[in-house]
Amino acid sequence: MNSKTFLLDLDNTLYDYKTAHEPAKSALCEKISELFQIENNLVWNSYESARKKVNTYLAGTASSHNRLLYIQNMFEELGIPYSQEVRNLSKYYWDIFLLNTELFPGVLDFFKKVSGAKVGLVTDLTADVQFLKLERLGLVSLFDAIVTSEESGREKPHPYNFQLALLKLGSRLEDTIMIGDDFEKDILGASNLGMKTIWLNHAGNQENLPKDSTEVSSFTEILNLV
């Protein structure tokens, strides 16, 4: 698949989200349990309840993933008075998350192989957190354009995200390949605009691929396609 421009997702495309999130979530809940002498299972249940609440009333926005909002709602559910710990615990979560963030094999080789092409990032979540991840992974300087859903005002698969990236890059839809793991957000979102796509299907899910789409099971397989 030849292209002058590549757009990449970040979470679960360039690194494994679960191996970073799970230890961070566990440490956060244990820390809250320890600080405020609350049973650990109550804290875990509160995390899930707060996450669902924030996801629901902020659906389709970058803030729906905001861990500080999760923790604020946890405090409210658990009857803990507001304090600076709300912000401290958010930072605590992300510090542990970043410590457990590592690139998938083949990612750096990809950037070397497409040297000369334009490469943009199209990712959900807030800009500050996504830039922290890129810094941790050593990728910031490798992108020619970065678009977060906080900047575009909508989460994928809304076309604003892809269109803003192409505008920044000065690229055309027909010259662009989108690479991502989320079938609906990354693959259908880009395909509906007329882009070629590469679906990174880690889980082996069954979907009807759009025209001009290719499926791979690992990032290293992408190296044989570009």
Protein backbone atom coordinates (compact mmCIF):
# COMPACT_ATOMS: atom_id res chain seq x y z
CA MET A 1 0.00 0.00 0.00
CA ASN A 2 1.72 3.13 -1.24
CA SER A 3 0.96 6.44 0.38
CA LYS A 4 2.28 9.96 0.77
CA THR A 5 0.59 10.35 4.18
CA PHE A 6 -0.06 8.08 7.15
CA LEU A 7 -2.39 8.79 10.05
CA LEU A 8 -1.90 6.78 13.23
CA ASP A 9 -4.00 6.14 16.30
CA LEU A 10 -2.12 6.02 19.63
CA ASP A 11 -3.78 3.90 22.33
CA ASN A 12 -3.63 0.16 21.56
CA THR A 13 -2.07 0.95 18.19
CA LEU A 14 1.43 2.10 19.15
CA TYR A 15 1.45 0.57 22.65
CA ASP A 16 -0.71 -1.78 24.75
CA TYR A 17 -3.17 0.27 26.79
CA LYS A 18 -4.15 -2.53 29.17
CA THR A 19 -0.64 -3.25 30.44
CA ALA A 20 -0.31 0.42 31.36
CA HIS A 21 -3.83 1.05 32.67
CA GLU A 22 -4.37 -2.01 34.86
CA PRO A 23 -1.43 -1.46 37.27
CA ALA A 24 -2.21 2.28 37.39
CA LYS A 25 -5.87 1.66 38.23
CA SER A 26 -4.95 -0.93 40.86
CA ALA A 27 -2.41 1.38 42.50
CA LEU A 28 -4.88 4.29 42.47
CA CYS A 29 -7.62 2.29 44.20
CA GLU A 30 -5.19 0.90 46.76
CA LYS A 31 -3.87 4.40 47.49
CA ILE A 32 -7.38 5.79 48.04
CA SER A 33 -8.24 2.83 50.26
CA GLU A 34 -5.08 3.42 52.32
CA LEU A 35 -5.41 7.20 52.56
CA PHE A 36 -9.05 7.25 53.64
CA GLN A 37 -9.40 3.87 55.35
CA ILE A 38 -12.07 2.59 52.96
CA GLU A 39 -12.47 -1.06 51.98
CA ASN A 40 -10.67 -1.77 48.74
CA ASN A 41 -13.68 -3.39 47.05
CA LEU A 42 -15.77 -0.27 47.74
CA VAL A 43 -13.11 1.88 46.13
CA TRP A 44 -12.91 -0.37 43.05
CA ASN A 45 -16.68 -0.31 42.68
CA SER A 46 -16.62 3.46 43.03
CA TYR A 47 -14.01 3.75 40.28
CA GLU A 48 -16.18 1.81 37.84
CA SER A 49 -19.29 3.74 38.84
CA ALA A 50 -17.53 7.09 38.45
CA ARG A 51 -16.01 6.08 35.11
CA LYS A 52 -19.40 5.06 33.70
CA LYS A 53 -21.01 8.25 34.97
CA VAL A 54 -18.38 10.52 33.40
CA ASN A 55 -18.36 8.48 30.18
CA THR A 56 -22.13 8.86 29.95
CA TYR A 57 -22.60 12.57 30.55
CA LEU A 58 -19.51 13.55 28.56
CA ALA A 59 -19.93 10.97 25.80
CA GLY A 60 -18.23 11.89 22.54
CA THR A 61 -15.80 14.34 24.17
CA ALA A 62 -12.18 14.09 25.26
CA SER A 63 -13.16 14.88 28.86
CA SER A 64 -15.09 11.62 29.09
CA HIS A 65 -11.70 9.95 29.75
CA ASN A 66 -10.46 12.52 32.29
CA ARG A 67 -9.08 10.64 35.30
CA LEU A 68 -9.31 13.73 37.49
CA LEU A 69 -13.07 13.77 36.84
CA TYR A 70 -13.24 10.05 37.68
CA ILE A 71 -11.48 10.70 40.99
CA GLN A 72 -13.61 13.76 41.77
CA ASN A 73 -16.73 11.64 41.30
CA MET A 74 -15.20 8.86 43.41
CA PHE A 75 -14.69 11.32 46.27
CA GLU A 76 -18.32 12.37 45.98
CA GLU A 77 -19.61 8.78 45.92
CA LEU A 78 -17.39 7.71 48.84
CA GLY A 79 -18.21 10.79 50.94
CA ILE A 80 -14.61 12.04 50.99
CA PRO A 81 -14.24 15.84 51.37
CA TYR A 82 -12.53 17.61 48.49
CA SER A 83 -8.81 18.22 48.98
CA GLN A 84 -5.62 18.56 46.99
CA GLU A 85 -5.59 14.75 46.89
CA VAL A 86 -8.02 14.86 43.97
CA ARG A 87 -5.32 16.34 41.75
CA ASN A 88 -2.49 14.45 43.45
CA LEU A 89 -4.19 11.11 42.82
CA SER A 90 -4.76 11.93 39.18
CA LYS A 91 -1.05 12.59 38.78
CA TYR A 92 -0.29 9.40 40.75
CA TYR A 93 -2.39 7.36 38.30
CA TRP A 94 -0.72 8.81 35.23
CA ASP A 95 2.80 8.49 36.66
CA ILE A 96 2.28 4.75 37.11
CA PHE A 97 0.54 4.46 33.74
CA LEU A 98 3.51 6.04 31.98
CA LEU A 99 6.01 3.81 33.79
CA ASN A 100 4.23 0.81 32.28
CA THR A 101 3.94 2.21 28.75
CA GLU A 102 6.13 0.59 26.09
CA LEU A 103 6.04 0.66 22.31
CA PHE A 104 4.84 -2.32 20.33
CA PRO A 105 7.62 -4.04 18.37
CA GLY A 106 7.98 -2.56 14.91
CA VAL A 107 6.79 0.98 15.66
CA LEU A 108 10.18 2.66 15.39
CA ASP A 109 10.98 0.57 12.31
CA PHE A 110 7.74 1.86 10.77
CA PHE A 111 8.80 5.48 11.18
CA LYS A 112 12.17 4.69 9.60
CA LYS A 113 10.53 2.87 6.70
CA VAL A 114 8.10 5.70 5.88
CA SER A 115 10.74 8.39 6.20
CA GLY A 116 9.89 11.03 3.63
CA ALA A 117 6.15 10.55 3.96
CA LYS A 118 3.99 12.77 6.16
CA VAL A 119 2.84 11.17 9.42
CA GLY A 120 0.04 12.47 11.62
CA LEU A 121 -1.47 11.32 14.91
CA VAL A 122 -5.26 11.21 15.30
CA THR A 123 -6.17 10.26 18.86
CA ASP A 124 -8.98 10.58 21.38
CA LEU A 125 -8.48 11.92 24.94
CA THR A 126 -7.05 15.19 26.23
CA ALA A 127 -3.99 16.80 24.69
CA ASP A 128 -1.88 17.01 27.87
CA VAL A 129 -2.17 13.28 28.60
CA GLN A 130 -1.55 12.20 25.01
CA PHE A 131 1.54 14.40 24.79
CA LEU A 132 2.83 12.83 28.03
CA LYS A 133 2.44 9.38 26.45
CA LEU A 134 4.23 10.49 23.28
CA GLU A 135 7.08 11.93 25.34
CA ARG A 136 7.38 8.72 27.34
CA LEU A 137 7.44 6.67 24.12
CA GLY A 138 9.93 9.00 22.44
CA LEU A 139 7.61 9.75 19.53
CA VAL A 140 6.76 13.45 19.76
CA SER A 141 9.32 14.64 17.20
CA LEU A 142 8.39 11.90 14.72
CA PHE A 143 4.95 13.33 13.92
CA ASP A 144 4.35 16.10 11.42
CA ALA A 145 0.91 16.84 12.91
CA ILE A 146 -0.96 15.85 16.07
CA VAL A 147 -4.73 16.01 16.53
CA THR A 148 -6.47 15.08 19.78
CA SER A 149 -10.21 14.91 20.27
CA GLU A 150 -9.83 17.75 22.75
CA GLU A 151 -8.57 19.94 19.93
CA SER A 152 -11.11 18.80 17.33
CA GLY A 153 -14.01 18.98 19.78
CA ARG A 154 -15.28 15.51 18.82
CA GLU A 155 -14.09 11.96 19.31
CA LYS A 156 -13.50 9.57 16.45
CA PRO A 157 -15.18 8.46 14.24
CA HIS A 158 -16.33 12.06 13.77
CA PRO A 159 -14.77 13.35 10.52
CA TYR A 160 -13.41 16.52 12.17
CA ASN A 161 -10.48 14.55 13.59
CA PHE A 162 -9.28 13.18 10.26
CA GLN A 163 -10.06 16.36 8.34
CA LEU A 164 -8.12 18.53 10.78
CA ALA A 165 -5.10 16.23 10.52
CA LEU A 166 -5.18 16.36 6.72
CA LEU A 167 -5.56 20.14 6.83
CA LYS A 168 -2.49 20.44 9.05
CA LEU A 169 -0.50 18.10 6.81
CA GLY A 170 -1.70 19.59 3.53
CA SER A 171 -2.60 16.08 2.37
CA ARG A 172 -5.41 14.56 0.32
CA LEU A 173 -7.76 11.77 1.37
CA GLU A 174 -6.81 9.60 -1.58
CA ASP A 175 -3.11 9.79 -0.68
CA THR A 176 -3.64 8.82 2.96
CA ILE A 177 -3.67 5.57 4.93
CA MET A 178 -5.18 5.44 8.44
CA ILE A 179 -3.76 2.85 10.85
CA GLY A 180 -5.63 1.98 14.04
CA ASP A 181 -7.00 -0.74 16.30
CA ASP A 182 -10.59 0.44 16.81
CA PHE A 183 -12.74 -0.84 13.96
CA GLU A 184 -15.54 1.70 14.34
CA LYS A 185 -13.51 4.76 15.32
CA ASP A 186 -10.37 4.32 13.23
CA ILE A 187 -11.29 2.09 10.32
CA LEU A 188 -14.90 2.99 9.57
CA GLY A 189 -14.31 6.63 10.51
CA ALA A 190 -11.48 6.97 7.99
CA SER A 191 -13.00 4.68 5.34
CA ASN A 192 -16.24 6.65 5.30
CA LEU A 193 -14.22 9.66 4.21
CA GLY A 194 -12.51 7.72 1.42
CA MET A 195 -9.18 6.82 3.03
CA LYS A 196 -7.37 3.51 2.75
CA THR A 197 -7.01 1.83 6.17
CA ILE A 198 -4.98 -0.80 8.00
CA TRP A 199 -6.85 -2.44 10.85
CA LEU A 200 -4.65 -3.61 13.72
CA ASN A 201 -6.92 -6.40 14.96
CA HIS A 202 -5.20 -7.65 18.11
CA ALA A 203 -8.19 -9.63 19.35
CA GLY A 204 -9.03 -11.42 16.10
CA ASN A 205 -12.51 -9.89 15.90
CA GLN A 206 -14.69 -10.64 12.90
CA GLU A 207 -15.79 -7.60 10.89
CA ASN A 208 -16.63 -6.85 7.26
CA LEU A 209 -13.67 -4.83 6.07
CA PRO A 210 -14.44 -1.79 3.94
CA LYS A 211 -13.00 -1.46 0.45
CA ASP A 212 -9.29 -0.54 0.40
CA SER A 213 -8.81 -1.86 3.94
CA THR A 214 -6.27 -4.43 5.13
CA GLU A 215 -6.27 -6.40 8.38
CA VAL A 216 -3.20 -7.33 10.44
CA SER A 217 -2.81 -8.91 13.86
CA SER A 218 0.38 -7.16 14.99
CA PHE A 219 2.14 -3.90 14.26
CA THR A 220 5.15 -5.68 12.78
CA GLU A 221 2.95 -6.99 9.95
CA ILE A 222 2.40 -3.40 8.85
CA LEU A 223 6.05 -3.16 7.87
CA ASN A 224 5.38 -5.53 4.97
CA LEU A 225 2.51 -3.39 3.69
CA VAL A 226 4.05 0.08 3.46
